[in-house]
Amino acid sequence: MNKGIVLLLSTAVMLSVLSGCHADNASEESILKQTNTAAEETEILQTEQSQGHMVEISVVTTFAGDDTNAVNYKEAVEKWEETTGNIVVDASKASNDEFKAKVIDDFENGSEPDVLFFFTGDDAVSFIEADQVVTLDEIRDLYPDYGSNMDESKLPAALNGKKYVIPVNGVWEGLYVNKEVLEAAGVSVPDAGYTWEQFLENCETIKALGKTPIAASFGSVPHYWFEFTSANYSGYDEHLIMPSTIEDSSAQSWIGGLLDMKELYDKGYLPVSTLYADESAVFEMFINGEAAFLIDGSWRMEDIARSCCIVPDDMTTLDEAALDKKYTVTYVPGKEMRNATDLIGGCTMGYYITRKAWEDPEKREAAVSFVEAMTTDEMVSRFSGVGAQALKQQPQVDLTQLNSLQKAGYALVSGTTSWTSTVLSNIPDECSEQLLKNITQVMQGRITPEMAVQNYLYTMQALNAEEVPSESQ
């Protein structure tokens, strides 16, 4: 019998005794009867487990479809089932808006799973506010070693500041480099000490060569640049503090970031089509050697590597020499409050244990066991690869099995000094959509950065007002 269950049952008995002391009709006989009943329940559970009693838990994750970890997850689940004798009823789906909506709907209808691998930002607000998932602090009251192999500072927090999840793998955003363009311009590949001033000088040199310095679509996906430029002024500690007035330091960080983005636009360091081109078009500019720099996520590595395959999209025909000659990934230039080695990314998803499972002693025990098995050092090393993770110890990765771009990504993560999540994943969709649309207006000079931030504040205030019931209600 796990110590967690014994401790919980013992606590229940103690509470029964204490409450009995304050009841008018309490007696030693009734207290003894309650104690004996709890002891009998404990003995029954212990006997069931010793006899291989099977527990069934429902689990939902995003490790499905084309997810590269779908196979790893399936194998890990099968191993846990074989080891424990328990059964997982799995309903994992690929991560998309439909998946997110289904998860939220299940919580609202009382059909949530026992264990959920899900996001920690705005997407999780509804079931967190409804107290339908359990905090790490509450879990650790009964299971002190839960997640003890994780670096506490890297565990993602929800918008209320509390921590609920144990992560496996995460993502990062970095500066991809077309080395051939840089070489032609006589520009060195940026390193960990890369500054914003050096970046601007390099962009001017590349522009003089007749190339586009930055492959970016400010009309379609400006958020990569907004996150880094605003973090330059906020620093790691305050990046996720959302402004409530235009005078807030966080609002000023956003304004500073937008001003720097406009400087890049005004100096012609972006594609001439940046305000209307889609993401795929600017990515092709980078791949075709028309642009030097591209900020994108760790998920882009495979797409870039595929461009070096002898047979299109067949990774078994990857020309590793060509990949090494053409591309690498490094740190986004730092400025003011942010070092280049301070990254946007980290683990924005993880395993939740739901309140429904927690209040069932058998399922509680199985859910904790399951999450612990899915988040060991060995398992995280397998799932995270060259992505972000939250382990105390650096994952053991066989570098001989990586191509040069993956090795560069691994070095990027290994040299990271801090992680921070994205602003836009931590604010309501209505606010992020409005802010992104306003970025185009700022670039064109139709509105000021101050007006863009103020528009965000108006949208946020309107949403908050909708959530407050009127007096007539």
Protein backbone atom coordinates (compact mmCIF):
# COMPACT_ATOMS: atom_id res chain seq x y z
CA MET A 1 0.00 0.00 0.00
CA ASN A 2 1.43 3.42 -0.94
CA LYS A 3 2.31 5.68 1.96
CA GLY A 4 0.16 8.40 0.38
CA ILE A 5 -3.05 6.41 0.82
CA VAL A 6 -2.13 5.33 4.35
CA LEU A 7 -1.40 8.93 5.28
CA LEU A 8 -4.67 10.16 3.78
CA LEU A 9 -6.73 7.53 5.58
CA SER A 10 -4.91 8.26 8.82
CA THR A 11 -5.62 11.95 8.39
CA ALA A 12 -9.29 11.16 7.79
CA VAL A 13 -9.39 9.20 11.05
CA MET A 14 -7.73 12.03 12.98
CA LEU A 15 -10.24 14.55 11.60
CA SER A 16 -13.06 12.24 12.59
CA VAL A 17 -11.67 12.04 16.13
CA LEU A 18 -11.22 15.79 16.41
CA SER A 19 -14.69 16.55 15.11
CA GLY A 20 -16.07 13.97 17.51
CA CYS A 21 -14.51 15.79 20.47
CA HIS A 22 -16.62 18.84 19.67
CA ALA A 23 -19.89 17.06 19.05
CA ASP A 24 -22.50 17.00 21.78
CA ASN A 25 -23.34 13.32 21.24
CA ALA A 26 -19.77 12.05 20.75
CA SER A 27 -18.70 8.97 22.64
CA GLU A 28 -15.62 6.82 22.90
CA GLU A 29 -17.58 3.98 21.37
CA SER A 30 -18.48 5.91 18.19
CA ILE A 31 -14.90 7.16 17.82
CA LEU A 32 -13.55 3.63 18.19
CA LYS A 33 -16.04 2.41 15.59
CA GLN A 34 -14.91 5.08 13.08
CA THR A 35 -11.26 4.21 13.70
CA ASN A 36 -11.90 0.51 13.17
CA THR A 37 -13.85 1.21 9.97
CA ALA A 38 -10.99 3.28 8.52
CA ALA A 39 -8.49 0.61 9.49
CA GLU A 40 -10.62 -2.03 7.79
CA GLU A 41 -10.80 0.10 4.62
CA THR A 42 -7.02 0.47 4.66
CA GLU A 43 -6.57 -3.26 5.08
CA ILE A 44 -8.95 -3.95 2.21
CA LEU A 45 -7.09 -1.59 -0.14
CA GLN A 46 -3.76 -3.07 0.86
CA THR A 47 -5.05 -6.57 0.22
CA GLU A 48 -6.48 -5.59 -3.17
CA GLN A 49 -3.18 -4.08 -4.27
CA SER A 50 -1.14 -7.02 -3.02
CA GLN A 51 -3.40 -9.29 -5.06
CA GLY A 52 -2.84 -7.21 -8.18
CA HIS A 53 -6.06 -5.19 -8.06
CA MET A 54 -6.44 -3.34 -11.37
CA VAL A 55 -7.23 0.38 -11.55
CA GLU A 56 -8.48 2.03 -14.72
CA ILE A 57 -7.64 5.69 -15.38
CA SER A 58 -8.61 7.91 -18.28
CA VAL A 59 -5.83 9.98 -19.87
CA VAL A 60 -5.85 12.68 -22.54
CA THR A 61 -2.66 14.06 -24.11
CA THR A 62 -1.52 15.69 -27.35
CA PHE A 63 0.80 12.77 -28.16
CA ALA A 64 -1.20 11.59 -31.14
CA GLY A 65 -1.42 11.92 -34.89
CA ASP A 66 1.77 13.32 -36.42
CA ASP A 67 3.29 14.27 -33.07
CA THR A 68 6.88 13.02 -33.09
CA ASN A 69 6.43 11.65 -29.56
CA ALA A 70 3.28 9.64 -30.29
CA VAL A 71 5.27 6.41 -30.53
CA ASN A 72 7.29 7.22 -27.39
CA TYR A 73 4.07 7.86 -25.49
CA LYS A 74 2.42 4.65 -26.65
CA GLU A 75 5.45 2.60 -25.58
CA ALA A 76 5.63 4.37 -22.20
CA VAL A 77 1.94 3.73 -21.49
CA GLU A 78 2.27 0.06 -22.35
CA LYS A 79 5.28 -0.28 -20.05
CA TRP A 80 3.41 1.40 -17.16
CA GLU A 81 0.39 -0.85 -17.66
CA GLU A 82 2.61 -3.93 -17.68
CA THR A 83 4.49 -2.80 -14.56
CA THR A 84 1.49 -1.78 -12.47
CA GLY A 85 -1.29 -4.01 -13.79
CA ASN A 86 -3.42 -0.90 -14.27
CA ILE A 87 -5.17 0.16 -17.47
CA VAL A 88 -5.09 3.47 -19.34
CA VAL A 89 -8.16 4.49 -21.31
CA ASP A 90 -6.46 6.86 -23.72
CA ALA A 91 -8.25 9.58 -25.69
CA SER A 92 -5.26 11.58 -26.90
CA LYS A 93 -5.70 13.88 -29.90
CA ALA A 94 -3.46 16.14 -31.95
CA SER A 95 -3.24 19.64 -30.49
CA ASN A 96 -5.43 22.16 -32.27
CA ASP A 97 -8.32 24.51 -31.50
CA GLU A 98 -10.83 21.67 -31.76
CA PHE A 99 -8.85 19.63 -29.24
CA LYS A 100 -8.69 22.56 -26.81
CA ALA A 101 -12.42 23.20 -27.11
CA LYS A 102 -13.19 19.52 -26.49
CA VAL A 103 -11.08 19.49 -23.30
CA ILE A 104 -12.82 22.60 -21.94
CA ASP A 105 -16.24 21.17 -22.84
CA ASP A 106 -15.44 17.89 -21.05
CA PHE A 107 -14.65 19.78 -17.84
CA GLU A 108 -17.86 21.78 -18.11
CA ASN A 109 -19.88 18.59 -18.59
CA GLY A 110 -18.16 16.67 -15.79
CA SER A 111 -16.53 14.20 -18.19
CA GLU A 112 -12.93 15.32 -17.73
CA PRO A 113 -10.19 12.65 -17.69
CA ASP A 114 -8.25 11.56 -14.62
CA VAL A 115 -4.95 12.78 -16.06
CA LEU A 116 -4.58 15.53 -18.65
CA PHE A 117 -1.57 16.74 -20.62
CA PHE A 118 -2.53 20.30 -21.51
CA PHE A 119 -1.52 23.96 -21.67
CA THR A 120 -0.93 26.21 -18.65
CA GLY A 121 -1.87 29.62 -20.05
CA ASP A 122 -5.19 31.22 -20.90
CA ASP A 123 -6.55 27.93 -22.31
CA ALA A 124 -6.57 26.41 -18.82
CA VAL A 125 -8.20 29.30 -16.93
CA SER A 126 -11.76 27.93 -16.85
CA PHE A 127 -11.04 24.57 -15.20
CA ILE A 128 -8.38 26.04 -12.92
CA GLU A 129 -10.78 28.69 -11.63
CA ALA A 130 -13.38 25.94 -11.11
CA ASP A 131 -10.87 24.03 -8.93
CA GLN A 132 -11.12 21.00 -11.19
CA VAL A 133 -7.38 20.27 -11.17
CA VAL A 134 -5.00 19.83 -8.22
CA THR A 135 -2.02 22.05 -7.43
CA LEU A 136 1.46 20.60 -7.00
CA ASP A 137 1.48 21.83 -3.41
CA GLU A 138 -1.61 19.79 -2.60
CA ILE A 139 -0.22 16.70 -4.31
CA ARG A 140 3.09 17.06 -2.49
CA ASP A 141 1.33 17.18 0.88
CA LEU A 142 0.72 13.45 0.37
CA TYR A 143 3.48 12.66 -2.12
CA PRO A 144 6.50 14.81 -1.15
CA ASP A 145 8.69 13.41 -3.93
CA TYR A 146 6.24 14.23 -6.71
CA GLY A 147 8.24 15.99 -9.45
CA SER A 148 11.35 16.10 -7.26
CA ASN A 149 13.58 15.54 -10.30
CA MET A 150 12.43 18.86 -11.76
CA ASP A 151 14.01 22.30 -11.44
CA GLU A 152 11.30 24.19 -9.56
CA SER A 153 12.18 27.48 -11.28
CA LYS A 154 11.45 25.91 -14.68
CA LEU A 155 8.04 24.46 -13.79
CA PRO A 156 5.35 26.47 -15.58
CA ALA A 157 2.89 28.45 -13.51
CA ALA A 158 -0.72 29.13 -14.36
CA LEU A 159 -2.04 32.69 -14.70
CA ASN A 160 -3.01 32.67 -11.01
CA GLY A 161 0.65 32.08 -10.12
CA LYS A 162 0.10 28.54 -8.84
CA LYS A 163 1.75 25.44 -10.30
CA TYR A 164 -0.31 22.48 -11.41
CA VAL A 165 1.69 20.50 -13.96
CA ILE A 166 4.79 18.36 -14.33
CA PRO A 167 6.14 18.90 -17.87
CA VAL A 168 7.91 16.55 -20.23
CA ASN A 169 9.02 18.54 -23.22
CA GLY A 170 8.79 22.11 -24.34
CA VAL A 171 9.72 24.48 -27.11
CA TRP A 172 12.06 27.37 -27.65
CA GLU A 173 12.34 30.22 -30.12
CA GLY A 174 15.70 31.11 -31.60
CA LEU A 175 17.45 32.92 -34.43
CA TYR A 176 17.90 30.67 -37.45
CA VAL A 177 20.76 31.73 -39.69
CA ASN A 178 21.40 31.22 -43.40
CA LYS A 179 25.18 30.90 -43.18
CA GLU A 180 25.70 31.30 -46.92
CA VAL A 181 24.11 34.76 -46.89
CA LEU A 182 26.21 35.79 -43.90
CA GLU A 183 29.38 34.48 -45.51
CA ALA A 184 28.72 36.42 -48.71
CA ALA A 185 28.23 39.58 -46.62
CA GLY A 186 31.33 38.96 -44.54
CA VAL A 187 29.25 38.69 -41.37
CA SER A 188 30.09 36.21 -38.62
CA VAL A 189 27.49 33.80 -37.22
CA PRO A 190 26.12 35.41 -34.02
CA ASP A 191 27.10 33.90 -30.66
CA ALA A 192 25.86 34.05 -27.07
CA GLY A 193 27.15 37.60 -26.63
CA TYR A 194 25.29 38.98 -29.64
CA THR A 195 23.91 42.48 -28.98
CA TRP A 196 21.16 44.48 -30.61
CA GLU A 197 23.69 47.06 -31.84
CA GLN A 198 25.73 44.35 -33.58
CA PHE A 199 22.54 42.97 -35.08
CA LEU A 200 21.58 46.33 -36.59
CA GLU A 201 25.07 46.75 -38.04
CA ASN A 202 24.91 43.29 -39.58
CA CYS A 203 21.48 43.96 -41.03
CA GLU A 204 22.82 47.10 -42.72
CA THR A 205 25.72 45.15 -44.21
CA ILE A 206 23.43 42.41 -45.50
CA LYS A 207 21.02 44.95 -46.96
CA ALA A 208 23.94 46.60 -48.82
CA LEU A 209 24.65 43.21 -50.39
CA GLY A 210 21.16 43.25 -51.91
CA LYS A 211 19.75 40.63 -49.58
CA THR A 212 16.89 40.89 -47.09
CA PRO A 213 18.32 40.82 -43.56
CA ILE A 214 15.22 39.43 -41.80
CA ALA A 215 12.67 36.92 -43.07
CA ALA A 216 9.56 37.95 -41.14
CA SER A 217 5.90 38.55 -41.78
CA PHE A 218 4.78 41.42 -39.56
CA GLY A 219 1.31 41.22 -41.07
CA SER A 220 0.83 37.52 -40.39
CA VAL A 221 3.14 36.32 -37.59
CA PRO A 222 4.80 39.30 -35.89
CA HIS A 223 4.60 37.70 -32.47
CA TYR A 224 8.08 36.13 -32.54
CA TRP A 225 9.65 39.56 -32.79
CA PHE A 226 7.20 41.19 -30.41
CA GLU A 227 8.02 38.68 -27.66
CA PHE A 228 11.77 39.22 -27.88
CA THR A 229 11.77 42.98 -28.40
CA SER A 230 9.36 43.56 -25.50
CA ALA A 231 11.35 41.14 -23.30
CA ASN A 232 14.41 43.29 -23.99
CA TYR A 233 12.80 45.99 -21.83
CA SER A 234 10.96 43.85 -19.27
CA GLY A 235 13.57 41.23 -18.53
CA TYR A 236 12.85 37.65 -17.50
CA ASP A 237 11.09 38.41 -14.21
CA GLU A 238 8.50 40.83 -15.56
CA HIS A 239 7.87 39.60 -19.09
CA LEU A 240 4.58 37.94 -18.16
CA ILE A 241 3.27 40.81 -16.03
CA MET A 242 0.42 42.20 -18.09
CA PRO A 243 -0.20 45.96 -18.15
CA SER A 244 -3.29 47.36 -16.50
CA THR A 245 -2.58 51.02 -17.36
CA ILE A 246 -0.50 52.71 -20.03
CA GLU A 247 1.88 53.97 -17.34
CA ASP A 248 2.78 50.44 -16.14
CA SER A 249 6.36 49.35 -16.69
CA SER A 250 5.03 46.35 -18.60
CA ALA A 251 3.11 48.67 -20.94
CA GLN A 252 6.30 50.66 -21.47
CA SER A 253 8.13 47.42 -22.31
CA TRP A 254 5.56 46.65 -24.98
CA ILE A 255 5.87 50.16 -26.37
CA GLY A 256 9.67 49.89 -26.45
CA GLY A 257 9.45 46.57 -28.27
CA LEU A 258 7.05 47.96 -30.87
CA LEU A 259 9.34 50.95 -31.46
CA ASP A 260 12.26 48.62 -32.16
CA MET A 261 10.14 46.58 -34.55
CA LYS A 262 9.17 49.76 -36.37
CA GLU A 263 12.86 50.70 -36.63
CA LEU A 264 13.54 47.41 -38.41
CA TYR A 265 10.62 48.14 -40.74
CA ASP A 266 11.62 51.74 -41.43
CA LYS A 267 15.24 50.81 -42.18
CA GLY A 268 14.18 48.26 -44.78
CA TYR A 269 15.51 45.21 -42.99
CA LEU A 270 12.30 43.27 -43.63
CA PRO A 271 10.78 41.88 -46.84
CA VAL A 272 8.97 44.53 -48.87
CA SER A 273 5.94 42.25 -48.56
CA THR A 274 6.21 41.91 -44.77
CA LEU A 275 2.81 43.48 -44.07
CA TYR A 276 0.85 41.15 -46.33
CA ALA A 277 3.01 38.06 -47.00
CA ASP A 278 2.11 34.88 -45.16
CA GLU A 279 4.52 32.88 -43.02
CA SER A 280 5.30 30.29 -45.69
CA ALA A 281 6.40 32.94 -48.19
CA VAL A 282 9.00 34.51 -45.89
CA PHE A 283 10.20 31.07 -44.84
CA GLU A 284 10.89 30.29 -48.49
CA MET A 285 12.92 33.50 -48.73
CA PHE A 286 15.12 32.21 -45.93
CA ILE A 287 15.45 28.73 -47.44
CA ASN A 288 16.21 30.10 -50.90
CA GLY A 289 19.05 32.30 -49.65
CA GLU A 290 17.21 35.58 -50.13
CA ALA A 291 17.16 36.41 -46.40
CA ALA A 292 19.70 35.93 -43.62
CA PHE A 293 17.80 35.69 -40.32
CA LEU A 294 14.59 34.01 -39.20
CA ILE A 295 13.14 33.90 -35.70
CA ASP A 296 11.11 30.74 -35.31
CA GLY A 297 10.53 27.85 -32.97
CA SER A 298 12.28 24.57 -32.34
CA TRP A 299 9.58 22.90 -34.43
CA ARG A 300 11.10 24.56 -37.54
CA MET A 301 14.27 22.49 -37.44
CA GLU A 302 12.81 19.59 -39.36
CA ASP A 303 11.36 21.85 -42.07
CA ILE A 304 14.76 23.44 -42.57
CA ALA A 305 16.51 20.07 -42.64
CA ARG A 306 14.01 18.77 -45.19
CA SER A 307 15.14 21.47 -47.61
CA CYS A 308 18.50 19.67 -47.73
CA CYS A 309 17.11 16.25 -48.60
CA ILE A 310 18.25 14.76 -51.91
CA VAL A 311 14.79 13.30 -52.34
CA PRO A 312 12.26 15.99 -51.32
CA ASP A 313 10.74 15.39 -47.85
CA ASP A 314 12.52 12.04 -47.47
CA MET A 315 14.62 12.54 -44.33
CA THR A 316 16.52 9.33 -44.98
CA THR A 317 18.18 11.17 -47.89
CA LEU A 318 19.28 14.19 -45.82
CA ASP A 319 22.50 15.73 -47.15
CA GLU A 320 24.07 16.52 -43.79
CA ALA A 321 27.04 18.31 -45.35
CA ALA A 322 24.70 20.68 -47.19
CA LEU A 323 22.69 21.28 -44.01
CA ASP A 324 25.83 22.10 -42.05
CA LYS A 325 27.04 24.46 -44.80
CA LYS A 326 23.78 26.36 -45.09
CA TYR A 327 22.03 26.65 -41.73
CA THR A 328 22.39 26.94 -38.00
CA VAL A 329 20.41 28.35 -35.07
CA THR A 330 21.64 30.70 -32.37
CA TYR A 331 20.51 33.28 -29.83
CA VAL A 332 18.31 36.27 -30.62
CA PRO A 333 20.27 39.49 -29.95
CA GLY A 334 19.84 40.92 -26.47
CA LYS A 335 19.27 44.48 -25.32
CA GLU A 336 18.70 46.41 -22.11
CA MET A 337 17.20 43.93 -19.58
CA ARG A 338 17.59 40.74 -21.62
CA ASN A 339 20.76 38.82 -22.45
CA ALA A 340 20.88 36.95 -25.74
CA THR A 341 20.90 33.72 -23.74
CA ASP A 342 17.54 34.55 -22.12
CA LEU A 343 15.09 32.64 -24.29
CA ILE A 344 11.40 32.75 -25.06
CA GLY A 345 9.97 29.27 -24.64
CA GLY A 346 10.09 26.61 -21.99
CA CYS A 347 7.48 24.08 -20.97
CA THR A 348 4.03 25.56 -21.45
CA MET A 349 2.29 22.17 -21.14
CA GLY A 350 2.34 19.38 -18.63
CA TYR A 351 0.46 16.65 -16.80
CA TYR A 352 -2.49 17.71 -14.63
CA ILE A 353 -4.21 15.45 -12.12
CA THR A 354 -7.88 16.31 -12.02
CA ARG A 355 -9.87 16.87 -8.83
CA LYS A 356 -12.19 14.04 -9.84
CA ALA A 357 -9.32 11.52 -9.83
CA TRP A 358 -7.76 13.01 -6.69
CA GLU A 359 -10.88 12.46 -4.61
CA ASP A 360 -10.92 8.76 -5.50
CA PRO A 361 -8.13 7.08 -3.42
CA GLU A 362 -7.53 4.31 -5.95
CA LYS A 363 -7.43 6.63 -8.93
CA ARG A 364 -5.36 9.17 -7.01
CA GLU A 365 -2.70 6.56 -6.41
CA ALA A 366 -2.75 5.39 -10.03
CA ALA A 367 -2.72 8.94 -11.44
CA VAL A 368 0.30 9.93 -9.36
CA SER A 369 2.09 6.73 -10.34
CA PHE A 370 1.31 7.36 -14.02
CA VAL A 371 2.59 10.95 -14.06
CA GLU A 372 5.73 9.98 -12.16
CA ALA A 373 6.42 7.23 -14.70
CA MET A 374 5.91 9.63 -17.61
CA THR A 375 8.24 12.27 -16.17
CA THR A 376 11.37 10.40 -15.09
CA ASP A 377 14.75 11.69 -16.24
CA GLU A 378 14.93 8.89 -18.77
CA MET A 379 11.48 9.60 -20.17
CA VAL A 380 12.00 13.37 -20.35
CA SER A 381 15.31 12.84 -22.16
CA ARG A 382 13.51 10.71 -24.71
CA PHE A 383 10.59 13.11 -25.20
CA SER A 384 12.42 16.46 -25.10
CA GLY A 385 15.35 15.67 -27.37
CA VAL A 386 16.83 19.08 -28.21
CA GLY A 387 13.76 20.95 -27.01
CA ALA A 388 13.12 22.67 -23.70
CA GLN A 389 12.65 20.69 -20.50
CA ALA A 390 12.57 21.29 -16.75
CA LEU A 391 14.88 18.63 -15.34
CA LYS A 392 17.45 19.45 -12.69
CA GLN A 393 19.96 17.43 -14.70
CA GLN A 394 20.65 18.07 -18.39
CA PRO A 395 19.00 15.29 -20.44
CA GLN A 396 21.34 12.66 -21.79
CA VAL A 397 21.15 12.94 -25.57
CA ASP A 398 23.18 10.85 -27.99
CA LEU A 399 24.74 13.63 -30.05
CA THR A 400 26.02 11.16 -32.61
CA GLN A 401 22.41 10.63 -33.67
CA LEU A 402 21.79 14.34 -34.31
CA ASN A 403 22.36 16.38 -37.45
CA SER A 404 24.27 19.67 -37.26
CA LEU A 405 21.14 21.81 -36.87
CA GLN A 406 19.86 19.65 -34.02
CA LYS A 407 23.26 19.84 -32.34
CA ALA A 408 23.09 23.64 -32.60
CA GLY A 409 19.64 23.52 -30.98
CA TYR A 410 20.95 21.33 -28.19
CA ALA A 411 23.82 23.77 -27.58
CA LEU A 412 21.30 26.64 -27.56
CA VAL A 413 19.24 25.00 -24.81
CA SER A 414 22.31 23.94 -22.84
CA GLY A 415 23.57 27.54 -22.72
CA THR A 416 20.24 29.12 -21.82
CA THR A 417 20.36 31.37 -18.74
CA SER A 418 16.60 31.78 -18.31
CA TRP A 419 13.25 30.89 -19.84
CA THR A 420 10.08 32.88 -20.10
CA SER A 421 6.81 31.97 -21.72
CA THR A 422 5.07 34.06 -24.35
CA VAL A 423 2.86 37.04 -23.57
CA LEU A 424 0.39 36.13 -26.29
CA SER A 425 -0.27 32.64 -24.90
CA ASN A 426 -1.14 34.17 -21.54
CA ILE A 427 -3.78 36.67 -22.59
CA PRO A 428 -7.28 36.06 -24.02
CA ASP A 429 -7.49 35.36 -27.75
CA GLU A 430 -9.50 38.54 -28.32
CA CYS A 431 -6.67 40.60 -26.86
CA SER A 432 -3.86 38.84 -28.70
CA GLU A 433 -5.69 39.07 -32.03
CA GLN A 434 -6.35 42.77 -31.51
CA LEU A 435 -2.73 43.44 -30.52
CA LEU A 436 -1.33 41.59 -33.54
CA LYS A 437 -3.59 43.50 -35.92
CA ASN A 438 -2.46 46.76 -34.39
CA ILE A 439 1.19 45.92 -35.06
CA THR A 440 0.57 46.35 -38.79
CA GLN A 441 -1.00 49.75 -38.09
CA VAL A 442 2.05 50.76 -36.04
CA MET A 443 4.44 49.75 -38.84
CA GLN A 444 2.50 51.90 -41.30
CA GLY A 445 2.48 54.85 -38.94
CA ARG A 446 -1.31 54.91 -38.72
CA ILE A 447 -1.24 54.55 -34.95
CA THR A 448 1.51 54.93 -32.34
CA PRO A 449 2.79 52.08 -30.18
CA GLU A 450 1.11 53.82 -27.23
CA MET A 451 -2.23 53.66 -29.05
CA ALA A 452 -1.72 49.95 -29.83
CA VAL A 453 -1.14 49.17 -26.16
CA GLN A 454 -4.06 51.35 -25.11
CA ASN A 455 -6.31 49.46 -27.53
CA TYR A 456 -5.23 46.23 -25.84
CA LEU A 457 -6.15 47.74 -22.46
CA TYR A 458 -9.59 48.76 -23.73
CA THR A 459 -10.20 45.22 -25.04
CA MET A 460 -9.06 43.68 -21.76
CA GLN A 461 -11.25 46.03 -19.73
CA ALA A 462 -14.26 45.19 -21.89
CA LEU A 463 -13.70 41.46 -21.38
CA ASN A 464 -13.36 41.91 -17.64
CA ALA A 465 -16.57 43.92 -17.54
CA GLU A 466 -18.42 41.10 -19.31
CA GLU A 467 -17.29 38.66 -16.63
CA VAL A 468 -18.67 40.78 -13.76
CA PRO A 469 -22.41 40.09 -13.18
CA SER A 470 -24.61 43.17 -13.17
CA GLU A 471 -26.44 44.16 -9.97
CA SER A 472 -29.75 43.09 -11.48
CA GLN A 473 -28.38 39.56 -11.86
